[in-house]
Amino acid sequence: MTSTVKTLPAVSEAPGWIDLVKRKVDALRFGSVQIVIHEGRVTTVEATEKTRLPVLGAVADVTDSH
C-alpha cells in the first residue's frame, strides 16, 4: 500500500495566491472570492462584487459609511 502525505508550506513560504486573495477581499464591500483548484494547485482566484440598489419607493440612506 502506498500513501502520500502533503504538507502545507510555512507562512513565510506561502505562495503568491494568498496575497492575491487578501487584496481581492480587501477590495470588496459586498461579494465573494472563489478559489479554483485543479490537481491540488490553485489555478484561478475569482472575485464577484455585488451592488446593492435601494428599493423603489423606500426611503434609504445611500451615503457611504466608510
C-alpha atoms as a PDB file:
ATOM      1  CA  MET A   1       0.000   0.000   0.000  1.00  0.00           C
ATOM      2  CA  THR A   2       1.304   3.454  -0.919  1.00  0.00           C
ATOM      3  CA  SER A   3       0.360   6.621   0.911  1.00  0.00           C
ATOM      4  CA  THR A   4       1.104  10.221   0.086  1.00  0.00           C
ATOM      5  CA  VAL A   5       1.388  12.905   2.727  1.00  0.00           C
ATOM      6  CA  LYS A   6       1.008  16.528   1.657  1.00  0.00           C
ATOM      7  CA  THR A   7       2.471  19.178   3.896  1.00  0.00           C
ATOM      8  CA  LEU A   8       1.422  22.804   3.802  1.00  0.00           C
ATOM      9  CA  PRO A   9       4.102  25.446   3.250  1.00  0.00           C
ATOM     10  CA  ALA A  10       5.166  27.591   6.182  1.00  0.00           C
ATOM     11  CA  VAL A  11       3.542  31.014   6.327  1.00  0.00           C
ATOM     12  CA  SER A  12       6.773  32.689   5.198  1.00  0.00           C
ATOM     13  CA  GLU A  13       6.861  30.334   2.189  1.00  0.00           C
ATOM     14  CA  ALA A  14       3.209  30.835   1.288  1.00  0.00           C
ATOM     15  CA  PRO A  15       2.508  31.119  -2.443  1.00  0.00           C
ATOM     16  CA  GLY A  16       1.591  34.455  -4.038  1.00  0.00           C
ATOM     17  CA  TRP A  17      -2.071  33.495  -4.463  1.00  0.00           C
ATOM     18  CA  ILE A  18      -2.637  34.126  -0.749  1.00  0.00           C
ATOM     19  CA  ASP A  19      -1.700  37.794  -1.183  1.00  0.00           C
ATOM     20  CA  LEU A  20      -3.953  37.944  -4.249  1.00  0.00           C
ATOM     21  CA  VAL A  21      -6.899  36.594  -2.222  1.00  0.00           C
ATOM     22  CA  LYS A  22      -6.235  39.148   0.539  1.00  0.00           C
ATOM     23  CA  ARG A  23      -6.202  42.021  -1.984  1.00  0.00           C
ATOM     24  CA  LYS A  24      -9.438  40.814  -3.601  1.00  0.00           C
ATOM     25  CA  VAL A  25     -11.174  40.521  -0.210  1.00  0.00           C
ATOM     26  CA  ASP A  26      -9.949  43.963   0.873  1.00  0.00           C
ATOM     27  CA  ALA A  27     -11.305  45.492  -2.358  1.00  0.00           C
ATOM     28  CA  LEU A  28     -14.843  44.113  -1.852  1.00  0.00           C
ATOM     29  CA  ARG A  29     -17.656  45.718   0.089  1.00  0.00           C
ATOM     30  CA  PHE A  30     -20.276  43.064  -0.781  1.00  0.00           C
ATOM     31  CA  GLY A  31     -19.468  39.942  -2.771  1.00  0.00           C
ATOM     32  CA  SER A  32     -17.439  36.769  -2.810  1.00  0.00           C
ATOM     33  CA  VAL A  33     -13.989  35.450  -3.637  1.00  0.00           C
ATOM     34  CA  GLN A  34     -13.751  31.962  -5.127  1.00  0.00           C
ATOM     35  CA  ILE A  35     -10.553  29.902  -5.256  1.00  0.00           C
ATOM     36  CA  VAL A  36     -10.421  27.277  -8.032  1.00  0.00           C
ATOM     37  CA  ILE A  37      -8.114  24.299  -7.502  1.00  0.00           C
ATOM     38  CA  HIS A  38      -7.001  21.717 -10.083  1.00  0.00           C
ATOM     39  CA  GLU A  39      -4.876  18.726  -9.089  1.00  0.00           C
ATOM     40  CA  GLY A  40      -4.024  20.259  -5.720  1.00  0.00           C
ATOM     41  CA  ARG A  41      -2.904  23.635  -7.089  1.00  0.00           C
ATOM     42  CA  VAL A  42      -4.681  26.984  -7.078  1.00  0.00           C
ATOM     43  CA  THR A  43      -5.331  27.885 -10.716  1.00  0.00           C
ATOM     44  CA  THR A  44      -7.822  30.759 -10.514  1.00  0.00           C
ATOM     45  CA  VAL A  45      -8.931  33.366  -7.990  1.00  0.00           C
ATOM     46  CA  GLU A  46     -12.253  34.992  -8.922  1.00  0.00           C
ATOM     47  CA  ALA A  47     -13.943  37.958  -7.245  1.00  0.00           C
ATOM     48  CA  THR A  48     -17.602  38.843  -7.732  1.00  0.00           C
ATOM     49  CA  GLU A  49     -18.806  42.173  -6.394  1.00  0.00           C
ATOM     50  CA  LYS A  50     -22.469  42.882  -5.687  1.00  0.00           C
ATOM     51  CA  THR A  51     -24.011  46.326  -5.843  1.00  0.00           C
ATOM     52  CA  ARG A  52     -26.999  46.858  -3.586  1.00  0.00           C
ATOM     53  CA  LEU A  53     -29.640  49.162  -5.012  1.00  0.00           C
ATOM     54  CA  PRO A  54     -32.274  50.940  -2.917  1.00  0.00           C
ATOM     55  CA  VAL A  55     -35.830  49.632  -3.204  1.00  0.00           C
ATOM     56  CA  LEU A  56     -38.087  51.915  -5.279  1.00  0.00           C
ATOM     57  CA  GLY A  57     -40.436  53.936  -3.091  1.00  0.00           C
ATOM     58  CA  ALA A  58     -38.463  53.233   0.062  1.00  0.00           C
ATOM     59  CA  VAL A  59     -36.545  55.858   1.966  1.00  0.00           C
ATOM     60  CA  ALA A  60     -32.925  54.770   2.026  1.00  0.00           C
ATOM     61  CA  ASP A  61     -29.677  56.275   3.194  1.00  0.00           C
ATOM     62  CA  VAL A  62     -27.315  55.830   0.257  1.00  0.00           C
ATOM     63  CA  THR A  63     -24.328  57.568   1.842  1.00  0.00           C
ATOM     64  CA  ASP A  64     -21.146  55.563   2.137  1.00  0.00           C
ATOM     65  CA  SER A  65     -20.310  54.657   5.726  1.00  0.00           C
ATOM     66  CA  HIS A  66     -16.554  54.445   5.004  1.00  0.00           C
END
